[in-house]
Amino acid sequence: MRQAATILSFETRGQGFYPITSSLEGFVSGQRMKTGLLTIFCRHTSASLLIQENADPSVLRDLQKFLERLAPENGAPYEHDSEGPDDMPAHLRVALTQTQLALPLIGGALALGTWQGVFLVEHRRRPHRREVALHLIGE
């Protein structure tokens, strides 16, 4: 068994879904492993990770609208608002999604389904630099 780890940085332009599959594939390819497990961890409390439809962008737009309805920015009585009106809703949206994913590596490739992609989800309105830690174990 071998292991490899790194931290990738991504610049966001504000709220939205940012595809990171190709960055993950680049890291995995460079390790030349055939079988293993890639763990992906988002190092933030107002951004998250999601495996979702990567062919039809309307899916992501509908997901964004759904999260906005579940954790609205305006009109909700949040106690925590020290970083602005989008701060607490961002934390709630992270709680509803994921900060860690595990993807099998089979035949040297991530075992994603045909229509699946991995996304970094920015829940804040302003741009941020986000870090995602990767750990690959395999052979």
Protein backbone atom coordinates (compact mmCIF):
# COMPACT_ATOMS: atom_id res chain seq x y z
CA MET A 1 0.00 0.00 0.00
CA ARG A 2 1.08 3.52 -0.81
CA GLN A 3 -0.27 6.86 0.32
CA ALA A 4 -0.23 10.35 -1.14
CA ALA A 5 -1.68 13.61 0.12
CA THR A 6 -1.94 17.21 -0.97
CA ILE A 7 -3.98 20.37 -0.49
CA LEU A 8 -5.60 22.02 -3.52
CA SER A 9 -6.69 25.67 -3.53
CA PHE A 10 -9.65 26.99 -5.47
CA GLU A 11 -10.74 30.57 -6.04
CA THR A 12 -14.50 31.07 -5.96
CA ARG A 13 -16.38 34.04 -7.39
CA GLY A 14 -19.20 33.83 -4.84
CA GLN A 15 -22.10 31.46 -4.31
CA GLY A 16 -22.26 28.53 -6.65
CA PHE A 17 -21.10 25.07 -7.62
CA TYR A 18 -17.50 24.82 -8.83
CA PRO A 19 -16.49 21.64 -10.67
CA ILE A 20 -13.31 20.14 -9.24
CA THR A 21 -13.40 16.64 -10.81
CA SER A 22 -10.59 17.36 -13.27
CA SER A 23 -8.32 18.62 -10.47
CA LEU A 24 -8.98 15.44 -8.50
CA GLU A 25 -8.33 13.30 -11.58
CA GLY A 26 -5.06 15.14 -12.18
CA PHE A 27 -3.85 14.39 -8.66
CA VAL A 28 -4.90 10.73 -8.89
CA SER A 29 -3.29 10.30 -12.31
CA GLY A 30 0.01 11.64 -11.03
CA GLN A 31 0.13 9.01 -8.29
CA ARG A 32 0.00 6.09 -10.78
CA MET A 33 -2.11 3.92 -8.49
CA LYS A 34 -4.61 1.45 -9.94
CA THR A 35 -6.77 0.62 -6.92
CA GLY A 36 -7.47 2.61 -3.81
CA LEU A 37 -9.58 5.21 -2.07
CA LEU A 38 -9.46 8.99 -2.42
CA THR A 39 -10.67 10.97 0.57
CA ILE A 40 -11.57 14.60 -0.11
CA PHE A 41 -12.01 17.06 2.75
CA CYS A 42 -13.16 20.70 2.55
CA ARG A 43 -11.31 22.76 5.16
CA HIS A 44 -14.06 25.35 5.70
CA THR A 45 -17.33 25.85 7.58
CA SER A 46 -19.09 27.87 4.89
CA ALA A 47 -18.19 25.79 1.82
CA SER A 48 -18.85 22.12 1.14
CA LEU A 49 -18.46 19.23 -1.30
CA LEU A 50 -21.06 17.46 -3.38
CA ILE A 51 -21.22 14.69 -5.95
CA GLN A 52 -23.94 15.64 -8.38
CA GLU A 53 -25.17 15.72 -11.98
CA ASN A 54 -22.49 17.23 -14.22
CA ALA A 55 -24.29 17.27 -17.59
CA ASP A 56 -27.36 19.47 -17.13
CA PRO A 57 -26.64 22.80 -15.36
CA SER A 58 -30.33 23.21 -14.47
CA VAL A 59 -29.81 20.57 -11.75
CA LEU A 60 -27.29 22.80 -10.00
CA ARG A 61 -29.51 25.87 -10.38
CA ASP A 62 -32.42 23.97 -8.82
CA LEU A 63 -30.20 22.76 -5.97
CA GLN A 64 -29.04 26.34 -5.31
CA LYS A 65 -32.66 27.56 -5.16
CA PHE A 66 -33.59 24.68 -2.84
CA LEU A 67 -30.75 25.47 -0.43
CA GLU A 68 -31.75 29.14 -0.47
CA ARG A 69 -35.30 28.18 0.55
CA LEU A 70 -34.09 25.87 3.34
CA ALA A 71 -31.61 28.40 4.77
CA PRO A 72 -32.71 31.89 3.69
CA GLU A 73 -30.49 34.92 4.14
CA ASN A 74 -33.18 37.46 4.92
CA GLY A 75 -36.01 37.29 7.37
CA ALA A 76 -34.65 34.43 9.46
CA PRO A 77 -33.91 35.16 13.12
CA TYR A 78 -30.26 34.05 13.25
CA GLU A 79 -28.21 34.92 16.30
CA HIS A 80 -24.89 34.45 14.47
CA ASP A 81 -24.42 37.25 11.94
CA SER A 82 -20.94 38.58 12.72
CA GLU A 83 -19.77 38.20 9.11
CA GLY A 84 -22.94 39.41 7.40
CA PRO A 85 -26.39 38.13 6.46
CA ASP A 86 -25.02 35.23 4.35
CA ASP A 87 -22.84 33.84 7.18
CA MET A 88 -25.27 31.71 9.22
CA PRO A 89 -27.19 30.52 6.14
CA ALA A 90 -23.83 29.33 4.74
CA HIS A 91 -23.19 27.29 7.90
CA LEU A 92 -26.66 25.75 7.69
CA ARG A 93 -26.16 24.85 4.02
CA VAL A 94 -22.87 23.14 4.87
CA ALA A 95 -24.69 21.14 7.56
CA LEU A 96 -27.12 19.96 4.87
CA THR A 97 -24.40 18.93 2.43
CA GLN A 98 -20.96 17.39 3.09
CA THR A 99 -17.43 18.41 3.97
CA GLN A 100 -15.89 15.00 3.24
CA LEU A 101 -16.24 12.53 0.37
CA ALA A 102 -14.66 9.15 -0.32
CA LEU A 103 -14.24 7.98 -3.92
CA PRO A 104 -13.03 4.52 -4.97
CA LEU A 105 -10.14 4.30 -7.40
CA ILE A 106 -10.65 1.39 -9.82
CA GLY A 107 -8.42 0.70 -12.79
CA GLY A 108 -6.51 3.92 -12.15
CA ALA A 109 -9.62 6.12 -12.41
CA LEU A 110 -12.15 7.58 -10.00
CA ALA A 111 -15.22 5.34 -10.00
CA LEU A 112 -17.74 8.13 -10.66
CA GLY A 113 -20.94 7.34 -12.52
CA THR A 114 -21.52 8.54 -16.07
CA TRP A 115 -23.32 11.74 -15.07
CA GLN A 116 -21.51 12.41 -11.79
CA GLY A 117 -19.06 15.18 -11.03
CA VAL A 118 -17.50 16.50 -7.83
CA PHE A 119 -18.26 20.10 -6.90
CA LEU A 120 -16.91 22.54 -4.37
CA VAL A 121 -19.97 24.44 -3.19
CA GLU A 122 -19.41 28.05 -2.16
CA HIS A 123 -22.18 29.17 0.20
CA ARG A 124 -20.97 32.75 0.73
CA ARG A 125 -21.77 35.64 -1.60
CA ARG A 126 -18.28 37.11 -1.90
CA PRO A 127 -15.25 35.43 -3.49
CA HIS A 128 -13.07 33.19 -1.32
CA ARG A 129 -9.97 31.04 -1.60
CA ARG A 130 -11.00 27.54 -0.54
CA GLU A 131 -8.75 24.61 0.34
CA VAL A 132 -9.54 20.96 -0.22
CA ALA A 133 -7.31 18.30 1.34
CA LEU A 134 -6.81 15.06 -0.59
CA HIS A 135 -5.57 11.71 0.73
CA LEU A 136 -5.14 8.73 -1.57
CA ILE A 137 -4.36 5.26 -0.30
CA GLY A 138 -3.89 2.37 -2.66
CA GLU A 139 -1.57 0.41 -4.89
